[in-house]
Amino acid sequence: MNIVDKIISFYLNNKSLYIGEKVTMSEHMIQTAMLAEKAKCSTSLVCSCLLHDYGHFILENPNLLVKKMKDGKHEEVGSEFLKKYFIKDVLGPIKYHVEAKRYLARSEKYYHLLSAASKLSLKIQGGIMDKKEAEEFENNEFFLDSVKLRKFDENAKKPGLKIKGINEYKNLLISKLI
């Protein structure tokens, strides 16, 4: 089975609720990609959005990690696995989307938009960035796309929303392979 078929299979077969939310992980990532499409983002960023939480599929039990207040570092697990297959413009925002949440949470307005599950994971993932961390992150080549991804991420948790099927993204996934 090639990597694109494997990804599609994970999406079709994973019915686990996204940690602390009322949508599945697959629904969440597809909603995130749909928001990027609606905002007319690059196809690389749409693909990043589609795969941004893929590390949760790889981790054995992400819900148990959260209950134990442990960070599974899904962003690193996912980007590390996917780097064998996808171009760096897809991988960068995946790798840094948690940093983007930590960065954006510096704004009280953004912090209050976070779901309860996102606030809990923020705490587990290192909390709100300090000024020095934020300045360093602003210089990251994937800063802007990571921030965009993270904003879509927080808004992609709507139960019952009519979404695309994962197979509708097959050609996009193929187009971003190394």
Foldseek 3Di string as FASTA:
>chain_A
DDPLVVVLVLLVPFQPCDQPADGRPQQLLQQLLVVCVVVVHDLLLSLLSNQLQVLCSVDDHVNVCLVVLADPLSLCSSLVVCVQWFDVSSNVLSNCLLVLLLAVVVDVVSVVLADPRNQSVCVSVPHHDDPVSNVVLVPDPCNVSNNSSNVSSRVRRDPPDDGDRSVVCSVSSVVGTD
